[in-house]
N, C-alpha and C. Protein backbone atom coordinates (compact mmCIF):
# COMPACT_ATOMS: atom_id res chain seq x y z
N MET A 1 118.52 161.62 112.31
CA MET A 1 118.09 161.08 113.56
C MET A 1 117.68 159.65 113.23
N LEU A 2 116.86 159.41 112.20
CA LEU A 2 116.52 158.16 111.79
C LEU A 2 117.68 157.23 111.52
N LYS A 3 118.81 157.66 110.91
CA LYS A 3 119.94 156.79 110.71
C LYS A 3 120.60 156.43 112.02
N HIS A 4 120.64 157.27 113.05
CA HIS A 4 121.11 156.93 114.27
C HIS A 4 120.22 155.89 114.99
N ALA A 5 118.95 155.86 114.85
CA ALA A 5 118.01 154.95 115.39
C ALA A 5 118.33 153.56 114.73
N ILE A 6 118.37 153.60 113.45
CA ILE A 6 118.59 152.22 112.71
C ILE A 6 119.89 151.77 113.22
N LEU A 7 120.99 152.53 113.23
CA LEU A 7 122.18 152.04 113.63
C LEU A 7 122.19 151.42 115.06
N LEU A 8 121.60 152.10 115.93
CA LEU A 8 121.49 151.63 117.41
C LEU A 8 120.73 150.38 117.31
N SER A 9 119.62 150.39 116.59
CA SER A 9 118.81 149.03 116.55
C SER A 9 119.63 147.86 115.91
N THR A 10 120.38 148.18 114.96
CA THR A 10 121.19 147.17 114.30
C THR A 10 122.23 146.65 115.38
N LEU A 11 123.03 147.56 116.05
CA LEU A 11 123.91 147.15 117.08
C LEU A 11 123.34 146.40 118.17
N LEU A 12 122.17 146.77 118.63
CA LEU A 12 121.50 145.96 119.63
C LEU A 12 121.13 144.50 119.22
N LEU A 13 120.79 144.37 117.97
CA LEU A 13 120.36 143.09 117.45
C LEU A 13 121.56 142.18 117.26
N LEU A 14 122.68 142.88 116.86
CA LEU A 14 123.95 142.08 116.64
C LEU A 14 124.50 141.61 118.03
N THR A 15 124.29 142.41 119.12
CA THR A 15 124.76 142.07 120.39
C THR A 15 123.86 141.00 121.03
N GLY A 16 122.64 140.82 120.47
CA GLY A 16 121.77 139.84 121.00
C GLY A 16 122.25 138.35 120.70
N CYS A 17 123.26 138.22 119.87
CA CYS A 17 123.76 136.90 119.47
C CYS A 17 124.72 136.44 120.57
N ALA A 18 124.91 135.14 120.69
CA ALA A 18 125.91 134.71 121.65
C ALA A 18 127.26 135.22 121.43
N LEU A 19 127.90 135.79 122.43
CA LEU A 19 129.13 136.57 122.18
C LEU A 19 130.36 135.61 122.60
N LYS A 20 129.99 134.70 123.48
CA LYS A 20 131.04 133.76 123.90
C LYS A 20 131.02 132.50 122.98
N GLN A 21 132.27 131.97 122.64
CA GLN A 21 132.40 130.87 121.83
C GLN A 21 132.78 129.61 122.60
N TYR A 22 131.80 128.75 122.66
CA TYR A 22 131.95 127.43 123.41
C TYR A 22 132.48 126.35 122.50
N PRO A 23 133.33 125.59 123.01
CA PRO A 23 133.81 124.40 122.20
C PRO A 23 132.57 123.44 121.97
N GLN A 24 132.59 122.89 120.82
CA GLN A 24 131.58 121.98 120.32
C GLN A 24 132.09 120.56 120.37
N SER A 25 131.33 119.53 120.79
CA SER A 25 131.83 118.16 120.74
C SER A 25 130.94 117.45 119.77
N PRO A 26 131.56 116.87 118.66
CA PRO A 26 130.76 116.08 117.70
C PRO A 26 130.25 114.74 118.45
N LYS A 27 129.29 114.17 117.83
CA LYS A 27 128.83 112.83 118.24
C LYS A 27 129.94 111.88 117.67
N VAL A 28 129.96 110.73 118.41
CA VAL A 28 130.94 109.68 117.95
C VAL A 28 130.42 109.10 116.59
N SER A 29 131.25 109.17 115.61
CA SER A 29 130.90 108.65 114.26
C SER A 29 130.95 107.15 114.21
N ASP A 30 130.45 106.49 113.31
CA ASP A 30 130.45 105.06 113.16
C ASP A 30 131.94 104.67 112.94
N GLU A 31 132.74 105.45 112.17
CA GLU A 31 134.13 105.05 111.90
C GLU A 31 134.87 105.19 113.22
N GLU A 32 134.71 106.12 114.00
CA GLU A 32 135.30 106.15 115.32
C GLU A 32 134.91 105.02 116.16
N ALA A 33 133.74 104.64 116.30
CA ALA A 33 133.17 103.54 117.14
C ALA A 33 133.85 102.32 116.74
N GLN A 34 134.09 102.22 115.41
CA GLN A 34 134.69 100.81 114.94
C GLN A 34 136.30 100.78 115.12
N THR A 35 136.97 102.05 115.20
CA THR A 35 138.42 101.96 115.21
C THR A 35 138.94 102.19 116.66
N TYR A 36 138.22 102.88 117.52
CA TYR A 36 138.71 103.06 118.86
C TYR A 36 139.07 101.73 119.63
N ASN A 37 140.21 101.80 120.27
CA ASN A 37 140.48 100.76 121.20
C ASN A 37 140.37 101.34 122.57
N CYS A 38 140.64 100.49 123.57
CA CYS A 38 140.44 100.99 124.98
C CYS A 38 141.27 102.19 125.28
N ALA A 39 142.67 102.22 124.90
CA ALA A 39 143.54 103.22 125.17
C ALA A 39 142.94 104.57 124.56
N THR A 40 142.58 104.46 123.33
CA THR A 40 141.99 105.64 122.51
C THR A 40 140.80 106.12 123.17
N LEU A 41 139.95 105.15 123.67
CA LEU A 41 138.65 105.64 124.34
C LEU A 41 139.06 106.43 125.66
N ASP A 42 139.96 105.94 126.34
CA ASP A 42 140.38 106.61 127.57
C ASP A 42 140.90 108.02 127.23
N GLN A 43 141.57 108.15 126.09
CA GLN A 43 142.15 109.47 125.67
C GLN A 43 140.86 110.47 125.31
N GLU A 44 139.93 109.81 124.62
CA GLU A 44 138.87 110.65 124.03
C GLU A 44 137.93 111.05 125.30
N ILE A 45 137.76 110.15 126.21
CA ILE A 45 137.05 110.50 127.47
C ILE A 45 137.68 111.63 128.23
N ALA A 46 139.09 111.59 128.34
CA ALA A 46 139.85 112.64 129.01
C ALA A 46 139.66 113.99 128.16
N LYS A 47 139.76 113.93 126.82
CA LYS A 47 139.46 115.13 126.03
C LYS A 47 138.18 115.71 126.23
N THR A 48 137.07 114.78 126.36
CA THR A 48 135.82 115.39 126.53
C THR A 48 135.55 116.03 127.94
N HIS A 49 136.30 115.39 128.82
CA HIS A 49 136.30 116.03 130.21
C HIS A 49 136.89 117.46 130.13
N SER A 50 138.02 117.56 129.35
CA SER A 50 138.66 118.83 129.19
C SER A 50 137.83 119.76 128.55
N VAL A 51 136.96 119.32 127.46
CA VAL A 51 136.09 120.25 126.87
C VAL A 51 135.10 120.80 127.74
N GLN A 52 134.56 119.88 128.69
CA GLN A 52 133.54 120.30 129.72
C GLN A 52 134.08 121.33 130.65
N GLN A 53 135.37 121.26 130.98
CA GLN A 53 136.00 122.17 131.89
C GLN A 53 136.21 123.51 131.04
N GLN A 54 136.49 123.49 129.78
CA GLN A 54 136.68 124.58 128.94
C GLN A 54 135.19 125.43 128.90
N ILE A 55 134.14 124.56 128.75
CA ILE A 55 132.80 125.24 128.61
C ILE A 55 132.60 126.00 130.08
N ASP A 56 132.85 125.30 131.21
CA ASP A 56 132.66 126.02 132.37
C ASP A 56 133.49 127.22 132.53
N LYS A 57 134.71 127.17 132.09
CA LYS A 57 135.63 128.30 132.20
C LYS A 57 135.15 129.42 131.29
N THR A 58 134.73 129.10 130.13
CA THR A 58 134.15 130.14 129.20
C THR A 58 132.91 130.76 129.65
N GLY A 59 132.12 129.85 130.55
CA GLY A 59 130.98 130.44 131.06
C GLY A 59 131.03 131.41 132.29
N GLU A 60 132.32 131.51 132.79
CA GLU A 60 132.52 132.39 133.92
C GLU A 60 132.16 133.83 133.60
N PHE A 61 131.84 134.58 134.61
CA PHE A 61 131.36 135.98 134.44
C PHE A 61 132.49 136.80 134.00
N ASP A 62 132.29 137.48 132.91
CA ASP A 62 133.19 138.50 132.43
C ASP A 62 132.63 139.57 131.73
N ALA A 63 133.36 140.44 130.87
CA ALA A 63 132.83 141.52 130.25
C ALA A 63 131.81 141.09 129.18
N LEU A 64 132.08 139.96 128.52
CA LEU A 64 131.14 139.49 127.45
C LEU A 64 129.91 139.01 128.13
N THR A 65 129.89 138.63 129.35
CA THR A 65 128.66 138.20 130.02
C THR A 65 127.78 139.54 130.22
N VAL A 66 128.48 140.61 130.54
CA VAL A 66 127.69 141.87 130.79
C VAL A 66 127.25 142.40 129.29
N ILE A 67 128.07 142.33 128.34
CA ILE A 67 127.53 142.75 127.00
C ILE A 67 126.41 141.96 126.64
N GLY A 68 126.48 140.60 126.72
CA GLY A 68 125.46 139.59 126.33
C GLY A 68 124.08 140.02 127.15
N PHE A 69 124.28 140.22 128.40
CA PHE A 69 123.04 140.61 129.22
C PHE A 69 122.38 141.81 128.68
N LEU A 70 123.16 142.92 128.37
CA LEU A 70 122.66 144.08 127.92
C LEU A 70 122.02 143.95 126.58
N GLY A 71 122.49 143.04 125.67
CA GLY A 71 121.91 142.80 124.42
C GLY A 71 120.64 142.00 124.43
N ASP A 72 120.61 140.92 125.14
CA ASP A 72 119.40 140.07 125.15
C ASP A 72 119.20 139.24 126.46
N PHE A 73 119.66 139.92 127.53
CA PHE A 73 119.52 139.44 128.89
C PHE A 73 120.27 138.07 129.04
N GLY A 74 121.30 137.92 128.35
CA GLY A 74 122.21 136.70 128.34
C GLY A 74 121.58 135.46 127.80
N ILE A 75 120.49 135.55 127.14
CA ILE A 75 119.86 134.40 126.51
C ILE A 75 120.75 133.79 125.51
N GLY A 76 121.28 134.41 124.64
CA GLY A 76 122.18 134.02 123.54
C GLY A 76 123.38 133.13 124.13
N ASN A 77 124.07 133.73 125.17
CA ASN A 77 125.16 133.08 125.66
C ASN A 77 124.67 131.73 126.36
N GLY A 78 123.59 131.95 127.14
CA GLY A 78 123.01 130.75 127.88
C GLY A 78 122.63 129.54 127.01
N ILE A 79 121.99 129.88 125.85
CA ILE A 79 121.66 128.90 124.88
C ILE A 79 122.93 128.18 124.31
N ALA A 80 123.96 129.08 123.91
CA ALA A 80 125.12 128.51 123.41
C ALA A 80 125.79 127.51 124.43
N LYS A 81 125.87 127.88 125.80
CA LYS A 81 126.42 127.12 126.80
C LYS A 81 125.71 125.88 126.90
N ALA A 82 124.36 126.00 127.00
CA ALA A 82 123.50 124.67 127.21
C ALA A 82 123.75 123.77 126.00
N SER A 83 123.85 124.26 124.88
CA SER A 83 124.08 123.42 123.64
C SER A 83 125.41 122.70 123.74
N ALA A 84 126.48 123.47 124.06
CA ALA A 84 127.79 122.84 124.22
C ALA A 84 127.86 121.83 125.34
N ASN A 85 127.22 122.01 126.37
CA ASN A 85 127.10 121.18 127.49
C ASN A 85 126.41 119.83 127.06
N LYS A 86 125.31 120.01 126.27
CA LYS A 86 124.54 118.86 125.84
C LYS A 86 125.30 118.01 124.87
N HIS A 87 126.04 118.66 123.92
CA HIS A 87 126.90 117.94 123.04
C HIS A 87 128.07 117.20 123.76
N ALA A 88 128.65 117.79 124.71
CA ALA A 88 129.83 117.29 125.36
C ALA A 88 129.21 115.99 126.17
N ALA A 89 128.17 116.20 126.84
CA ALA A 89 127.56 115.11 127.64
C ALA A 89 127.13 113.85 126.73
N THR A 90 126.69 114.22 125.53
CA THR A 90 126.26 113.16 124.57
C THR A 90 127.45 112.35 124.14
N ARG A 91 128.55 113.15 123.83
CA ARG A 91 129.79 112.44 123.26
C ARG A 91 130.32 111.55 124.53
N LEU A 92 130.43 112.08 125.70
CA LEU A 92 130.94 111.46 126.80
C LEU A 92 130.17 110.14 127.16
N SER A 93 128.79 110.22 127.07
CA SER A 93 127.97 109.03 127.21
C SER A 93 128.27 107.98 126.14
N GLU A 94 128.37 108.46 124.94
CA GLU A 94 128.53 107.44 123.80
C GLU A 94 129.97 106.78 124.01
N LEU A 95 131.08 107.60 124.34
CA LEU A 95 132.37 107.01 124.50
C LEU A 95 132.38 106.00 125.81
N GLU A 96 131.72 106.46 126.83
CA GLU A 96 131.69 105.50 128.00
C GLU A 96 130.92 104.26 127.65
N GLN A 97 129.88 104.34 126.81
CA GLN A 97 129.11 103.17 126.43
C GLN A 97 130.03 102.26 125.59
N LEU A 98 130.71 102.78 124.69
CA LEU A 98 131.68 102.12 123.86
C LEU A 98 132.66 101.31 124.71
N LYS A 99 133.24 102.01 125.81
CA LYS A 99 134.23 101.46 126.67
C LYS A 99 133.71 100.36 127.44
N THR A 100 132.36 100.49 127.91
CA THR A 100 131.74 99.53 128.72
C THR A 100 131.53 98.25 127.82
N VAL A 101 131.11 98.42 126.56
CA VAL A 101 130.91 97.28 125.71
C VAL A 101 132.21 96.54 125.22
N GLY A 102 133.13 97.37 124.92
CA GLY A 102 134.41 96.77 124.32
C GLY A 102 135.48 96.55 125.24
N CYS A 103 135.64 97.13 126.39
CA CYS A 103 136.91 96.97 127.11
C CYS A 103 136.63 96.33 128.48
N ASN A 104 135.50 95.90 128.83
CA ASN A 104 135.21 95.25 130.08
C ASN A 104 135.36 93.66 129.80
N HIS A 105 136.44 93.08 129.90
CA HIS A 105 136.62 91.61 129.63
C HIS A 105 136.52 90.91 130.93
N PRO A 106 135.57 89.89 131.13
CA PRO A 106 135.58 89.21 132.31
C PRO A 106 136.76 88.39 132.54
N THR A 107 137.22 88.26 133.86
CA THR A 107 138.43 87.57 134.17
C THR A 107 138.22 86.12 134.75
N ALA A 108 137.06 85.51 134.45
CA ALA A 108 136.74 84.21 134.99
C ALA A 108 137.37 83.06 134.50
């Protein structure tokens, strides 16, 4: 009986982790910031928007949502999604700032 209780407790603890895998966006490195041109920045911004869409799609209600809720009330999946959204928003902000600084040439 004790083995069953330990096994059940272990399984519940393991299901308490985030079950969904959200894409992670790294910060813009110094090397990237120095080598990106305007066209590359546009591509990277589009990729980051795509990552944000993937995060939203992964976050949709499905069987993993139910299992995550049973394990830890969905906290693990919620934390993973919030972290992924934060990283994507940070990267997007950095890319847009680089584009504003390096690609807006006055036409006067």
